[in-house]
Amino acid sequence: MRSWLLVGDEENWERALAENIWGVTGVHRKTWERLESGDVALFYVKRPVMGIIGVGVIKTKFKQDKPLWRQEIKSGKVIWPYRFEFEVKYALPPPDWRNKAVGLKEFKVKIMGGINPIKDLKKVERLLAKLDRKWNTNLVNLVKPQPIVKPKSIHEDMKDKLIELGRLEGFIVEKEYLFPDIRERLDVVWRRVPASVPTYVFEVQIGGNLHQALTKLKHAHDIWNSNIFLIIKDEDQSRVKSLLSGAFHEISEVLKVLTVRMINELYDLQRRDHELKRKAGLR
C-alpha cells in the first residue's frame, strides 16, 4: 500500500469530490500506472487554502476522453485523461476548508504536480494522526496493519453477490427478509418499490437443509407470486431434482435452480458491464 498527495485548486476539488474522481496529465502517466486499489490519497488544495482538506482510498484506474473539470469543458478537450476513482474516508465541507485545512510545512512533503508519492510511512502516520486530532477522525488506521479477517463462507459470499446484483439492476434489496406470517427468513429479496412485496426471492443452500429452503421458496411463491431461486453447489443438483419430482412438484415449473458457479459468472459479467459503461460515460 502506498500513499499519495493529490494537488489541485478549490474549484477542481469541488468537482472531484462531487464525482469521487481525480485525474492527471500524460506527464504523470508513469506515476498513475503505479497506483493500486487500496492506496491512501490525501486531498490537498493548493490555492488559495494551501492545506489538506480530506483523505480517501483509491479504487479503480481508467483512461477517459470525456471532459470533466471546468477547464476541460471550456476548452472542449481532456486535459487530465488518466483518472481514478476514490472512496472518501473523510472530507471537510467546503465552508471549513479555509479554517480547518491542515498545512504540510512541518512534514516537508514535496508538492511537484497533481499527484505526489509520500514514501515515508512514519511521516504519513504522523500526518494522519494530526488530521485525527484536528478533525476528530480515525484516519491513521488506514495505514496501520489490520487484524486478519476470516474469509467469508460461500453462503455469505453468495448472499452478498446477490445483494450487489440486485442493486446493479436497480432493485431495493434486503437480506434476511422476515415473512409476515411465519417466523422464517429469506436469504435475499429484491423489490421494485419500498411498499411492494418481493419480486425476486433467493435462498442459498450450501450443503444444508434443502427441504427447508424449498419450503420457504414455495411459501413465497404462494403468498406473493414471487420469482423464486435456489442457489446450490453443482453436486446437489440431483438431490434438488429428486425433491422437485416428489414433495415439491408444485413449484418444479417456476423454481429456477442456480449453482454457485453460475452466480459467480453472472456477478463478474455484471460488474464488468457496469464498470465499462461508467468508464464510457454511460452511467
C-alpha atoms as a PDB file:
ATOM      1  CA  MET A   1       0.000   0.000   0.000  1.00  0.00           C
ATOM      2  CA  ARG A   2       1.299   3.436  -0.985  1.00  0.00           C
ATOM      3  CA  SER A   3       0.289   6.957  -0.006  1.00  0.00           C
ATOM      4  CA  TRP A   4      -0.247   9.845  -2.420  1.00  0.00           C
ATOM      5  CA  LEU A   5      -0.770  13.595  -2.196  1.00  0.00           C
ATOM      6  CA  LEU A   6      -3.321  14.803  -4.762  1.00  0.00           C
ATOM      7  CA  VAL A   7      -2.952  18.501  -5.533  1.00  0.00           C
ATOM      8  CA  GLY A   8      -5.458  20.871  -7.130  1.00  0.00           C
ATOM      9  CA  ASP A   9      -7.234  24.187  -6.710  1.00  0.00           C
ATOM     10  CA  GLU A  10     -10.516  24.739  -4.872  1.00  0.00           C
ATOM     11  CA  GLU A  11     -12.685  24.585  -7.964  1.00  0.00           C
ATOM     12  CA  ASN A  12     -11.212  21.316  -9.215  1.00  0.00           C
ATOM     13  CA  TRP A  13     -11.515  19.750  -5.767  1.00  0.00           C
ATOM     14  CA  GLU A  14     -15.166  20.707  -5.502  1.00  0.00           C
ATOM     15  CA  ARG A  15     -15.784  18.894  -8.799  1.00  0.00           C
ATOM     16  CA  ALA A  16     -13.579  15.929  -7.850  1.00  0.00           C
ATOM     17  CA  LEU A  17     -15.359  15.385  -4.531  1.00  0.00           C
ATOM     18  CA  ALA A  18     -18.737  15.581  -6.253  1.00  0.00           C
ATOM     19  CA  GLU A  19     -17.697  12.791  -8.666  1.00  0.00           C
ATOM     20  CA  ASN A  20     -15.160  10.897  -6.486  1.00  0.00           C
ATOM     21  CA  ILE A  21     -12.705  11.091  -9.396  1.00  0.00           C
ATOM     22  CA  TRP A  22      -9.234  12.575  -9.774  1.00  0.00           C
ATOM     23  CA  GLY A  23      -7.134  12.835 -12.920  1.00  0.00           C
ATOM     24  CA  VAL A  24      -3.620  13.652 -14.094  1.00  0.00           C
ATOM     25  CA  THR A  25      -1.984  14.681 -17.361  1.00  0.00           C
ATOM     26  CA  GLY A  26       0.100  12.461 -19.596  1.00  0.00           C
ATOM     27  CA  VAL A  27       3.233  13.803 -17.875  1.00  0.00           C
ATOM     28  CA  HIS A  28       2.232  11.809 -14.798  1.00  0.00           C
ATOM     29  CA  ARG A  29       1.208   8.646 -16.631  1.00  0.00           C
ATOM     30  CA  LYS A  30       4.064   6.586 -15.154  1.00  0.00           C
ATOM     31  CA  THR A  31       3.048   7.652 -11.668  1.00  0.00           C
ATOM     32  CA  TRP A  32      -0.620   6.904 -12.436  1.00  0.00           C
ATOM     33  CA  GLU A  33       0.362   3.389 -13.543  1.00  0.00           C
ATOM     34  CA  ARG A  34       1.833   2.745 -10.075  1.00  0.00           C
ATOM     35  CA  LEU A  35      -1.470   3.439  -8.331  1.00  0.00           C
ATOM     36  CA  GLU A  36      -3.147   0.424  -6.761  1.00  0.00           C
ATOM     37  CA  SER A  37      -6.549  -0.181  -5.251  1.00  0.00           C
ATOM     38  CA  GLY A  38      -6.349   0.462  -1.509  1.00  0.00           C
ATOM     39  CA  ASP A  39      -3.664   3.154  -1.694  1.00  0.00           C
ATOM     40  CA  VAL A  40      -4.244   6.155   0.581  1.00  0.00           C
ATOM     41  CA  ALA A  41      -4.895   9.538  -1.056  1.00  0.00           C
ATOM     42  CA  LEU A  42      -4.550  12.898   0.710  1.00  0.00           C
ATOM     43  CA  PHE A  43      -6.603  15.734  -0.812  1.00  0.00           C
ATOM     44  CA  TYR A  44      -4.552  18.958  -0.953  1.00  0.00           C
ATOM     45  CA  VAL A  45      -5.896  22.350  -2.057  1.00  0.00           C
ATOM     46  CA  LYS A  46      -3.001  24.435  -3.392  1.00  0.00           C
ATOM     47  CA  ARG A  47      -4.760  27.774  -3.640  1.00  0.00           C
ATOM     48  CA  PRO A  48      -5.981  29.822  -2.016  1.00  0.00           C
ATOM     49  CA  VAL A  49      -6.248  27.485   1.001  1.00  0.00           C
ATOM     50  CA  MET A  50      -2.946  25.537   0.848  1.00  0.00           C
ATOM     51  CA  GLY A  51      -3.736  22.541   3.028  1.00  0.00           C
ATOM     52  CA  ILE A  52      -5.198  19.039   3.263  1.00  0.00           C
ATOM     53  CA  ILE A  53      -8.987  19.041   3.200  1.00  0.00           C
ATOM     54  CA  GLY A  54      -9.694  15.297   3.118  1.00  0.00           C
ATOM     55  CA  VAL A  55      -8.488  11.726   2.823  1.00  0.00           C
ATOM     56  CA  GLY A  56      -9.630   8.805   0.674  1.00  0.00           C
ATOM     57  CA  VAL A  57      -8.724   5.394  -0.648  1.00  0.00           C
ATOM     58  CA  ILE A  58      -8.015   4.728  -4.316  1.00  0.00           C
ATOM     59  CA  LYS A  59     -10.347   2.279  -6.060  1.00  0.00           C
ATOM     60  CA  THR A  60     -10.137   1.829  -9.839  1.00  0.00           C
ATOM     61  CA  LYS A  61      -7.981   3.413 -12.575  1.00  0.00           C
ATOM     62  CA  PHE A  62      -9.234   4.251 -16.044  1.00  0.00           C
ATOM     63  CA  LYS A  63      -8.422   6.473 -19.015  1.00  0.00           C
ATOM     64  CA  GLN A  64     -11.286   8.701 -20.154  1.00  0.00           C
ATOM     65  CA  ASP A  65     -11.784  11.098 -23.069  1.00  0.00           C
ATOM     66  CA  LYS A  66     -14.808  12.870 -21.576  1.00  0.00           C
ATOM     67  CA  PRO A  67     -14.248  16.438 -20.232  1.00  0.00           C
ATOM     68  CA  LEU A  68     -14.986  16.625 -16.505  1.00  0.00           C
ATOM     69  CA  TRP A  69     -13.402  19.717 -14.950  1.00  0.00           C
ATOM     70  CA  ARG A  70     -14.316  23.307 -15.902  1.00  0.00           C
ATOM     71  CA  GLN A  71     -11.104  23.921 -17.825  1.00  0.00           C
ATOM     72  CA  GLU A  72     -11.718  20.791 -19.893  1.00  0.00           C
ATOM     73  CA  ILE A  73     -15.346  21.661 -20.588  1.00  0.00           C
ATOM     74  CA  LYS A  74     -14.423  25.249 -21.516  1.00  0.00           C
ATOM     75  CA  SER A  75     -11.633  24.180 -23.890  1.00  0.00           C
ATOM     76  CA  GLY A  76     -13.573  21.220 -25.273  1.00  0.00           C
ATOM     77  CA  LYS A  77     -10.673  18.832 -24.712  1.00  0.00           C
ATOM     78  CA  VAL A  78      -9.492  16.498 -21.985  1.00  0.00           C
ATOM     79  CA  ILE A  79      -6.515  17.802 -20.006  1.00  0.00           C
ATOM     80  CA  TRP A  80      -6.399  15.116 -17.296  1.00  0.00           C
ATOM     81  CA  PRO A  81      -7.237  11.825 -19.080  1.00  0.00           C
ATOM     82  CA  TYR A  82      -5.509   9.453 -16.655  1.00  0.00           C
ATOM     83  CA  ARG A  83      -8.152   9.143 -13.978  1.00  0.00           C
ATOM     84  CA  PHE A  84      -9.028   7.073 -10.966  1.00  0.00           C
ATOM     85  CA  GLU A  85     -11.950   6.640  -8.650  1.00  0.00           C
ATOM     86  CA  PHE A  86     -11.532   7.122  -4.912  1.00  0.00           C
ATOM     87  CA  GLU A  87     -13.630   6.439  -1.839  1.00  0.00           C
ATOM     88  CA  VAL A  88     -13.772   9.398   0.532  1.00  0.00           C
ATOM     89  CA  LYS A  89     -12.944   8.446   4.101  1.00  0.00           C
ATOM     90  CA  TYR A  90     -13.319  11.990   5.373  1.00  0.00           C
ATOM     91  CA  ALA A  91     -13.559  15.395   3.708  1.00  0.00           C
ATOM     92  CA  LEU A  92     -14.134  18.796   5.234  1.00  0.00           C
ATOM     93  CA  PRO A  93     -17.208  20.617   3.943  1.00  0.00           C
ATOM     94  CA  PRO A  94     -16.093  23.495   1.626  1.00  0.00           C
ATOM     95  CA  PRO A  95     -17.023  26.256   4.127  1.00  0.00           C
ATOM     96  CA  ASP A  96     -14.459  24.752   6.565  1.00  0.00           C
ATOM     97  CA  TRP A  97     -11.563  24.497   4.110  1.00  0.00           C
ATOM     98  CA  ARG A  98     -10.014  27.853   4.996  1.00  0.00           C
ATOM     99  CA  ASN A  99     -10.166  27.346   8.771  1.00  0.00           C
ATOM    100  CA  LYS A 100      -9.592  23.614   9.181  1.00  0.00           C
ATOM    101  CA  ALA A 101      -7.294  22.614   6.311  1.00  0.00           C
ATOM    102  CA  VAL A 102      -4.020  21.167   7.623  1.00  0.00           C
ATOM    103  CA  GLY A 103      -0.772  22.543   6.203  1.00  0.00           C
ATOM    104  CA  LEU A 104       2.277  20.454   5.287  1.00  0.00           C
ATOM    105  CA  LYS A 105       5.148  22.769   6.248  1.00  0.00           C
ATOM    106  CA  GLU A 106       6.221  20.747   9.303  1.00  0.00           C
ATOM    107  CA  PHE A 107       6.113  17.468   7.348  1.00  0.00           C
ATOM    108  CA  LYS A 108       8.331  18.635   4.454  1.00  0.00           C
ATOM    109  CA  VAL A 109       6.272  16.892   1.781  1.00  0.00           C
ATOM    110  CA  LYS A 110       7.253  17.735  -1.790  1.00  0.00           C
ATOM    111  CA  ILE A 111       4.500  19.158  -3.976  1.00  0.00           C
ATOM    112  CA  MET A 112       5.569  18.762  -7.601  1.00  0.00           C
ATOM    113  CA  GLY A 113       2.304  18.305  -9.522  1.00  0.00           C
ATOM    114  CA  GLY A 114      -1.195  16.893  -9.457  1.00  0.00           C
ATOM    115  CA  ILE A 115      -0.049  13.655  -7.814  1.00  0.00           C
ATOM    116  CA  ASN A 116       2.910  13.125  -5.481  1.00  0.00           C
ATOM    117  CA  PRO A 117       4.114   9.968  -3.684  1.00  0.00           C
ATOM    118  CA  ILE A 118       4.738  10.112   0.055  1.00  0.00           C
ATOM    119  CA  LYS A 119       7.215   7.300   0.596  1.00  0.00           C
ATOM    120  CA  ASP A 120       7.911   7.751   4.319  1.00  0.00           C
ATOM    121  CA  LEU A 121       5.241   5.693   6.124  1.00  0.00           C
ATOM    122  CA  LYS A 122       6.111   7.216   9.500  1.00  0.00           C
ATOM    123  CA  LYS A 123       5.563  10.667   8.047  1.00  0.00           C
ATOM    124  CA  VAL A 124       2.178   9.568   6.691  1.00  0.00           C
ATOM    125  CA  GLU A 125       1.217   8.171  10.109  1.00  0.00           C
ATOM    126  CA  ARG A 126       2.205  11.441  11.829  1.00  0.00           C
ATOM    127  CA  LEU A 127       0.266  13.450   9.279  1.00  0.00           C
ATOM    128  CA  LEU A 128      -2.874  11.310   9.617  1.00  0.00           C
ATOM    129  CA  ALA A 129      -2.567  11.460  13.409  1.00  0.00           C
ATOM    130  CA  LYS A 130      -2.553  15.265  13.209  1.00  0.00           C
ATOM    131  CA  LEU A 131      -5.647  15.188  10.996  1.00  0.00           C
ATOM    132  CA  ASP A 132      -7.331  12.901  13.534  1.00  0.00           C
ATOM    133  CA  ARG A 133      -6.598  15.316  16.364  1.00  0.00           C
ATOM    134  CA  LYS A 134      -7.872  18.315  14.442  1.00  0.00           C
ATOM    135  CA  TRP A 135     -10.873  16.655  12.776  1.00  0.00           C
ATOM    136  CA  ASN A 136     -11.789  14.059  15.433  1.00  0.00           C
ATOM    137  CA  THR A 137     -11.384  11.155  12.983  1.00  0.00           C
ATOM    138  CA  ASN A 138      -9.604   7.769  12.939  1.00  0.00           C
ATOM    139  CA  LEU A 139      -7.762   8.095   9.633  1.00  0.00           C
ATOM    140  CA  VAL A 140      -4.447   6.794  10.974  1.00  0.00           C
ATOM    141  CA  ASN A 141      -5.989   3.307  10.947  1.00  0.00           C
ATOM    142  CA  LEU A 142      -5.831   3.416   7.129  1.00  0.00           C
ATOM    143  CA  VAL A 143      -2.067   2.809   7.238  1.00  0.00           C
ATOM    144  CA  LYS A 144      -1.831   0.600  10.318  1.00  0.00           C
ATOM    145  CA  PRO A 145      -1.805  -3.201   9.964  1.00  0.00           C
ATOM    146  CA  GLN A 146      -5.331  -4.549  10.262  1.00  0.00           C
ATOM    147  CA  PRO A 147      -6.284  -7.799  12.000  1.00  0.00           C
ATOM    148  CA  ILE A 148      -6.646 -10.807   9.731  1.00  0.00           C
ATOM    149  CA  VAL A 149     -10.271 -11.193   8.745  1.00  0.00           C
ATOM    150  CA  LYS A 150     -11.672 -14.677   8.445  1.00  0.00           C
ATOM    151  CA  PRO A 151     -12.754 -15.364   4.836  1.00  0.00           C
ATOM    152  CA  LYS A 152     -16.479 -15.260   4.199  1.00  0.00           C
ATOM    153  CA  SER A 153     -18.301 -18.552   3.866  1.00  0.00           C
ATOM    154  CA  ILE A 154     -19.650 -19.491   0.433  1.00  0.00           C
ATOM    155  CA  HIS A 155     -23.138 -18.948   1.839  1.00  0.00           C
ATOM    156  CA  GLU A 156     -22.385 -15.355   2.900  1.00  0.00           C
ATOM    157  CA  ASP A 157     -20.444 -14.660  -0.293  1.00  0.00           C
ATOM    158  CA  MET A 158     -23.420 -15.725  -2.400  1.00  0.00           C
ATOM    159  CA  LYS A 159     -25.806 -13.555  -0.403  1.00  0.00           C
ATOM    160  CA  ASP A 160     -23.529 -10.516  -0.747  1.00  0.00           C
ATOM    161  CA  LYS A 161     -23.225 -11.048  -4.503  1.00  0.00           C
ATOM    162  CA  LEU A 162     -26.995 -11.390  -4.891  1.00  0.00           C
ATOM    163  CA  ILE A 163     -27.405  -8.118  -3.000  1.00  0.00           C
ATOM    164  CA  GLU A 164     -24.904  -6.375  -5.273  1.00  0.00           C
ATOM    165  CA  LEU A 165     -26.541  -7.821  -8.397  1.00  0.00           C
ATOM    166  CA  GLY A 166     -29.924  -6.545  -7.261  1.00  0.00           C
ATOM    167  CA  ARG A 167     -28.541  -3.056  -6.680  1.00  0.00           C
ATOM    168  CA  LEU A 168     -26.893  -3.013 -10.088  1.00  0.00           C
ATOM    169  CA  GLU A 169     -30.285  -3.865 -11.596  1.00  0.00           C
ATOM    170  CA  GLY A 170     -31.950  -1.015  -9.718  1.00  0.00           C
ATOM    171  CA  PHE A 171     -33.918  -3.072  -7.180  1.00  0.00           C
ATOM    172  CA  ILE A 172     -34.437  -2.416  -3.488  1.00  0.00           C
ATOM    173  CA  VAL A 173     -32.587  -5.301  -1.845  1.00  0.00           C
ATOM    174  CA  GLU A 174     -32.842  -6.831   1.605  1.00  0.00           C
ATOM    175  CA  LYS A 175     -31.005  -9.608   3.387  1.00  0.00           C
ATOM    176  CA  GLU A 176     -32.676 -11.934   5.931  1.00  0.00           C
ATOM    177  CA  TYR A 177     -36.178 -10.816   4.942  1.00  0.00           C
ATOM    178  CA  LEU A 178     -38.803 -11.856   7.502  1.00  0.00           C
ATOM    179  CA  PHE A 179     -42.025 -13.464   6.318  1.00  0.00           C
ATOM    180  CA  PRO A 180     -45.092 -11.589   7.595  1.00  0.00           C
ATOM    181  CA  ASP A 181     -46.961 -14.729   8.679  1.00  0.00           C
ATOM    182  CA  ILE A 182     -44.339 -17.273   9.777  1.00  0.00           C
ATOM    183  CA  ARG A 183     -41.143 -16.970  11.817  1.00  0.00           C
ATOM    184  CA  GLU A 184     -38.814 -17.687   8.909  1.00  0.00           C
ATOM    185  CA  ARG A 185     -36.435 -15.505   6.947  1.00  0.00           C
ATOM    186  CA  LEU A 186     -35.433 -15.485   3.303  1.00  0.00           C
ATOM    187  CA  ASP A 187     -31.755 -15.043   2.463  1.00  0.00           C
ATOM    188  CA  VAL A 188     -32.186 -12.240  -0.102  1.00  0.00           C
ATOM    189  CA  VAL A 189     -35.138 -10.493  -1.744  1.00  0.00           C
ATOM    190  CA  TRP A 190     -35.391  -7.862  -4.470  1.00  0.00           C
ATOM    191  CA  ARG A 191     -38.299  -5.425  -4.571  1.00  0.00           C
ATOM    192  CA  ARG A 192     -39.204  -2.825  -7.191  1.00  0.00           C
ATOM    193  CA  VAL A 193     -40.592  -0.190  -4.791  1.00  0.00           C
ATOM    194  CA  PRO A 194     -40.456   0.110  -0.973  1.00  0.00           C
ATOM    195  CA  ALA A 195     -44.104  -0.792  -0.378  1.00  0.00           C
ATOM    196  CA  SER A 196     -44.210  -3.774  -2.748  1.00  0.00           C
ATOM    197  CA  VAL A 197     -43.887  -7.464  -1.981  1.00  0.00           C
ATOM    198  CA  PRO A 198     -40.658  -9.212  -3.080  1.00  0.00           C
ATOM    199  CA  THR A 199     -40.440  -9.603  -6.849  1.00  0.00           C
ATOM    200  CA  TYR A 200     -37.432 -11.945  -6.682  1.00  0.00           C
ATOM    201  CA  VAL A 201     -36.671 -14.279  -3.794  1.00  0.00           C
ATOM    202  CA  PHE A 202     -33.421 -16.169  -3.251  1.00  0.00           C
ATOM    203  CA  GLU A 203     -32.441 -18.977  -0.915  1.00  0.00           C
ATOM    204  CA  VAL A 204     -28.786 -20.032  -0.718  1.00  0.00           C
ATOM    205  CA  GLN A 205     -28.410 -23.614   0.393  1.00  0.00           C
ATOM    206  CA  ILE A 206     -24.829 -24.855   0.630  1.00  0.00           C
ATOM    207  CA  GLY A 207     -24.882 -28.383   1.999  1.00  0.00           C
ATOM    208  CA  GLY A 208     -27.750 -27.645   4.390  1.00  0.00           C
ATOM    209  CA  ASN A 209     -31.428 -28.428   4.660  1.00  0.00           C
ATOM    210  CA  LEU A 210     -32.773 -28.336   1.091  1.00  0.00           C
ATOM    211  CA  HIS A 211     -36.271 -29.306   2.248  1.00  0.00           C
ATOM    212  CA  GLN A 212     -36.471 -26.227   4.482  1.00  0.00           C
ATOM    213  CA  ALA A 213     -35.161 -23.926   1.740  1.00  0.00           C
ATOM    214  CA  LEU A 214     -37.691 -25.239  -0.777  1.00  0.00           C
ATOM    215  CA  THR A 215     -40.486 -24.891   1.770  1.00  0.00           C
ATOM    216  CA  LYS A 216     -39.688 -21.200   2.204  1.00  0.00           C
ATOM    217  CA  LEU A 217     -39.474 -20.613  -1.525  1.00  0.00           C
ATOM    218  CA  LYS A 218     -42.791 -22.360  -2.116  1.00  0.00           C
ATOM    219  CA  HIS A 219     -44.407 -20.207   0.562  1.00  0.00           C
ATOM    220  CA  ALA A 220     -43.008 -17.035  -1.040  1.00  0.00           C
ATOM    221  CA  HIS A 221     -44.462 -18.068  -4.390  1.00  0.00           C
ATOM    222  CA  ASP A 222     -47.813 -18.982  -2.823  1.00  0.00           C
ATOM    223  CA  ILE A 223     -48.373 -15.703  -0.952  1.00  0.00           C
ATOM    224  CA  TRP A 224     -46.598 -13.200  -3.241  1.00  0.00           C
ATOM    225  CA  ASN A 225     -46.308 -14.965  -6.602  1.00  0.00           C
ATOM    226  CA  SER A 226     -42.594 -14.112  -6.422  1.00  0.00           C
ATOM    227  CA  ASN A 227     -39.983 -15.343  -8.855  1.00  0.00           C
ATOM    228  CA  ILE A 228     -38.121 -17.928  -6.774  1.00  0.00           C
ATOM    229  CA  PHE A 229     -34.488 -19.003  -6.990  1.00  0.00           C
ATOM    230  CA  LEU A 230     -32.455 -21.670  -5.215  1.00  0.00           C
ATOM    231  CA  ILE A 231     -28.647 -21.388  -5.201  1.00  0.00           C
ATOM    232  CA  ILE A 232     -26.759 -24.638  -4.622  1.00  0.00           C
ATOM    233  CA  LYS A 233     -23.475 -26.394  -5.312  1.00  0.00           C
ATOM    234  CA  ASP A 234     -23.171 -28.439  -8.518  1.00  0.00           C
ATOM    235  CA  GLU A 235     -23.129 -31.684  -6.578  1.00  0.00           C
ATOM    236  CA  ASP A 236     -26.557 -31.009  -5.012  1.00  0.00           C
ATOM    237  CA  GLN A 237     -28.444 -30.810  -8.306  1.00  0.00           C
ATOM    238  CA  SER A 238     -29.570 -34.443  -8.229  1.00  0.00           C
ATOM    239  CA  ARG A 239     -30.981 -34.034  -4.693  1.00  0.00           C
ATOM    240  CA  VAL A 240     -32.941 -30.961  -5.754  1.00  0.00           C
ATOM    241  CA  LYS A 241     -34.241 -32.728  -8.854  1.00  0.00           C
ATOM    242  CA  SER A 242     -35.478 -35.587  -6.704  1.00  0.00           C
ATOM    243  CA  LEU A 243     -37.325 -33.225  -4.338  1.00  0.00           C
ATOM    244  CA  LEU A 244     -38.883 -31.330  -7.242  1.00  0.00           C
ATOM    245  CA  SER A 245     -40.213 -34.521  -8.749  1.00  0.00           C
ATOM    246  CA  GLY A 246     -41.769 -35.513  -5.419  1.00  0.00           C
ATOM    247  CA  ALA A 247     -42.790 -33.351  -2.448  1.00  0.00           C
ATOM    248  CA  PHE A 248     -42.215 -30.048  -4.230  1.00  0.00           C
ATOM    249  CA  HIS A 249     -43.574 -30.903  -7.671  1.00  0.00           C
ATOM    250  CA  GLU A 250     -45.935 -27.908  -7.488  1.00  0.00           C
ATOM    251  CA  ILE A 251     -43.031 -25.456  -7.897  1.00  0.00           C
ATOM    252  CA  SER A 252     -40.932 -27.523 -10.291  1.00  0.00           C
ATOM    253  CA  GLU A 253     -42.001 -25.369 -13.258  1.00  0.00           C
ATOM    254  CA  VAL A 254     -41.433 -21.992 -11.595  1.00  0.00           C
ATOM    255  CA  LEU A 255     -38.328 -22.579  -9.482  1.00  0.00           C
ATOM    256  CA  LYS A 256     -35.009 -21.530 -11.004  1.00  0.00           C
ATOM    257  CA  VAL A 257     -32.070 -23.556  -9.722  1.00  0.00           C
ATOM    258  CA  LEU A 258     -28.718 -21.772  -9.999  1.00  0.00           C
ATOM    259  CA  THR A 259     -25.291 -23.010  -8.992  1.00  0.00           C
ATOM    260  CA  VAL A 260     -22.546 -21.161  -7.131  1.00  0.00           C
ATOM    261  CA  ARG A 261     -20.511 -21.170 -10.344  1.00  0.00           C
ATOM    262  CA  MET A 262     -23.360 -19.524 -12.271  1.00  0.00           C
ATOM    263  CA  ILE A 263     -23.762 -16.760  -9.673  1.00  0.00           C
ATOM    264  CA  ASN A 264     -20.018 -16.065  -9.722  1.00  0.00           C
ATOM    265  CA  GLU A 265     -20.025 -15.835 -13.534  1.00  0.00           C
ATOM    266  CA  LEU A 266     -23.097 -13.593 -13.552  1.00  0.00           C
ATOM    267  CA  TYR A 267     -21.600 -11.347 -10.876  1.00  0.00           C
ATOM    268  CA  ASP A 268     -18.321 -10.939 -12.780  1.00  0.00           C
ATOM    269  CA  LEU A 269     -20.165 -10.143 -16.029  1.00  0.00           C
ATOM    270  CA  GLN A 270     -22.487  -7.612 -14.401  1.00  0.00           C
ATOM    271  CA  ARG A 271     -19.648  -5.869 -12.570  1.00  0.00           C
ATOM    272  CA  ARG A 272     -17.625  -5.656 -15.779  1.00  0.00           C
ATOM    273  CA  ASP A 273     -20.618  -4.350 -17.727  1.00  0.00           C
ATOM    274  CA  HIS A 274     -21.286  -1.712 -15.040  1.00  0.00           C
ATOM    275  CA  GLU A 275     -17.624  -0.650 -14.975  1.00  0.00           C
ATOM    276  CA  LEU A 276     -17.325  -0.402 -18.768  1.00  0.00           C
ATOM    277  CA  LYS A 277     -20.489   1.697 -19.004  1.00  0.00           C
ATOM    278  CA  ARG A 278     -19.216   4.002 -16.258  1.00  0.00           C
ATOM    279  CA  LYS A 279     -15.858   4.449 -17.997  1.00  0.00           C
ATOM    280  CA  ALA A 280     -17.633   5.165 -21.274  1.00  0.00           C
ATOM    281  CA  GLY A 281     -19.750   7.833 -19.591  1.00  0.00           C
ATOM    282  CA  LEU A 282     -22.979   5.844 -19.948  1.00  0.00           C
ATOM    283  CA  ARG A 283     -23.643   5.792 -16.191  1.00  0.00           C
END
